[in-house]
């Protein structure tokens, strides 16, 4: 039992006194975390404020980049809309061409049928004449 309790003491970095475990390692970790948070907050507070010319310059640069991005985005949107209009016009033209070609084909088919009927009628009339 002595080896186990010694091993637990080493693992937890604390000691057991009168049945109560005091973990100094954990408390030290908590204190270190609190110190780190405090240092980070102090570092943040020490940063230059909005009245600093360098901060104003960086902010102006960010604003310029943002405005340029907005302009590019608007140009892309206009280009997409123009492309959509162009594609719609092309589709309409293709549909009109297809309809025109279908009408021409129907007219050719009707003319061919009329020609075939005339030839057939002529053959029929010729046979009838021979009788």
Protein backbone atom coordinates (compact mmCIF):
# COMPACT_ATOMS: atom_id res chain seq x y z
CA UNK A 1 0.00 0.00 0.00
CA UNK A 2 2.93 2.32 0.67
CA UNK A 3 4.20 2.09 -2.91
CA UNK A 4 0.82 2.97 -4.35
CA UNK A 5 0.35 6.03 -2.15
CA UNK A 6 3.91 7.23 -2.96
CA UNK A 7 3.19 6.81 -6.67
CA UNK A 8 -0.07 8.78 -6.35
CA UNK A 9 1.77 11.55 -4.52
CA UNK A 10 4.32 11.80 -7.34
CA UNK A 11 1.65 11.74 -10.06
CA UNK A 12 -0.48 14.43 -8.52
CA UNK A 13 2.36 16.55 -7.26
CA UNK A 14 0.73 16.87 -3.89
CA UNK A 15 0.75 15.17 -0.54
CA UNK A 16 -1.82 13.47 1.59
CA UNK A 17 -2.19 14.89 5.08
CA UNK A 18 -4.68 13.46 7.51
CA UNK A 19 -6.82 11.89 4.79
CA UNK A 20 -7.10 15.05 2.68
CA UNK A 21 -5.31 15.44 -0.63
CA UNK A 22 -3.72 18.77 -1.37
CA UNK A 23 -2.85 19.12 -5.04
CA UNK A 24 -0.29 21.88 -5.37
CA UNK A 25 0.36 21.00 -9.02
CA UNK A 26 -3.20 21.76 -10.01
CA UNK A 27 -3.26 25.00 -8.06
CA UNK A 28 -0.03 26.07 -9.73
CA UNK A 29 -1.54 25.36 -13.16
CA UNK A 30 -4.59 27.45 -12.27
CA UNK A 31 -2.38 30.32 -11.14
CA UNK A 32 -0.28 30.10 -14.30
CA UNK A 33 -3.41 30.20 -16.47
CA UNK A 34 -4.71 33.23 -14.58
CA UNK A 35 -1.33 34.98 -14.99
CA UNK A 36 -1.33 34.22 -18.72
CA UNK A 37 -4.83 35.67 -19.11
CA UNK A 38 -3.79 38.76 -17.18
CA UNK A 39 -0.67 39.20 -19.34
CA UNK A 40 -2.74 38.85 -22.51
CA UNK A 41 -5.21 41.46 -21.26
CA UNK A 42 -2.37 43.84 -20.37
CA UNK A 43 -0.84 43.34 -23.82
CA UNK A 44 -4.21 44.13 -25.45
CA UNK A 45 -4.65 47.26 -23.37
CA UNK A 46 -1.12 48.40 -24.27
CA UNK A 47 -1.86 48.29 -28.01
CA UNK A 48 -2.22 51.54 -29.92
CA UNK A 49 -5.66 53.11 -29.88
CA UNK A 50 -7.76 54.35 -32.80
CA UNK A 51 -6.18 57.81 -32.63
CA UNK A 52 -2.76 56.42 -33.61
CA UNK A 53 -1.83 57.34 -37.23
CA UNK A 54 -0.58 53.81 -37.97
CA UNK A 55 -3.93 52.35 -36.91
CA UNK A 56 -5.79 54.94 -39.00
CA UNK A 57 -3.56 54.12 -41.98
CA UNK A 58 -4.20 50.37 -41.64
CA UNK A 59 -7.92 51.02 -41.30
CA UNK A 60 -7.91 53.22 -44.43
CA UNK A 61 -6.02 50.51 -46.33
CA UNK A 62 -8.56 47.89 -45.23
CA UNK A 63 -11.40 50.18 -46.30
CA UNK A 64 -9.79 50.73 -49.71
CA UNK A 65 -9.36 46.99 -50.20
CA UNK A 66 -12.96 46.41 -49.16
CA UNK A 67 -14.24 49.06 -51.59
CA UNK A 68 -12.13 47.60 -54.41
CA UNK A 69 -13.55 44.17 -53.60
CA UNK A 70 -17.08 45.59 -53.74
CA UNK A 71 -16.36 47.18 -57.13
CA UNK A 72 -14.97 43.90 -58.50
CA UNK A 73 -17.97 42.03 -57.12
CA UNK A 74 -20.38 44.48 -58.76
CA UNK A 75 -18.50 44.16 -62.07
CA UNK A 76 -18.72 40.36 -61.87
CA UNK A 77 -22.44 40.61 -61.15
CA UNK A 78 -22.99 42.86 -64.18
CA UNK A 79 -20.92 40.49 -66.33
CA UNK A 80 -22.99 37.51 -65.12
CA UNK A 81 -26.23 39.35 -65.91
CA UNK A 82 -24.95 40.30 -69.39
CA UNK A 83 -23.88 36.73 -69.97
CA UNK A 84 -27.31 35.48 -68.92
CA UNK A 85 -29.00 37.94 -71.30
CA UNK A 86 -26.66 36.90 -74.12
CA UNK A 87 -27.29 33.21 -73.48
CA UNK A 88 -31.06 33.81 -73.43
CA UNK A 89 -30.83 35.67 -76.75
CA UNK A 90 -28.75 32.85 -78.24
CA UNK A 91 -31.24 30.26 -77.01
CA UNK A 92 -34.11 32.28 -78.49
CA UNK A 93 -32.22 32.55 -81.80
CA UNK A 94 -31.57 28.80 -81.83
CA UNK A 95 -35.26 28.14 -81.14
CA UNK A 96 -36.26 30.49 -83.97
CA UNK A 97 -33.77 28.83 -86.33
CA UNK A 98 -35.09 25.39 -85.35
CA UNK A 99 -38.69 26.51 -85.90
CA UNK A 100 -37.79 28.05 -89.27
CA UNK A 101 -35.94 24.89 -90.33
CA UNK A 102 -38.89 22.74 -89.19
CA UNK A 103 -41.29 24.93 -91.23
CA UNK A 104 -39.04 24.71 -94.29
CA UNK A 105 -38.79 20.93 -93.88
CA UNK A 106 -42.59 20.69 -93.57
CA UNK A 107 -42.98 22.76 -96.74
CA UNK A 108 -40.48 20.51 -98.58
CA UNK A 109 -42.31 17.42 -97.33
CA UNK A 110 -45.67 18.85 -98.46
CA UNK A 111 -44.24 19.74 -101.90
CA UNK A 112 -42.73 16.24 -102.24
CA UNK A 113 -46.03 14.62 -101.28
CA UNK A 114 -47.90 16.82 -103.76
CA UNK A 115 -45.36 15.90 -106.47
CA UNK A 116 -45.65 12.20 -105.64
CA UNK A 117 -49.45 12.45 -105.69
CA UNK A 118 -49.35 14.21 -109.06
CA UNK A 119 -47.07 11.49 -110.47
CA UNK A 120 -49.33 8.79 -109.05
CA UNK A 121 -52.42 10.50 -110.47
CA UNK A 122 -50.68 10.77 -113.84
CA UNK A 123 -49.87 7.05 -113.82
CA UNK A 124 -53.45 6.26 -112.83
CA UNK A 125 -54.80 8.48 -115.60
CA UNK A 126 -52.42 6.85 -118.11
CA UNK A 127 -53.61 3.37 -117.12
CA UNK A 128 -57.21 4.46 -117.34
CA UNK A 129 -56.60 5.94 -120.78
CA UNK A 130 -55.15 2.66 -122.05
CA UNK A 131 -58.34 0.75 -121.19
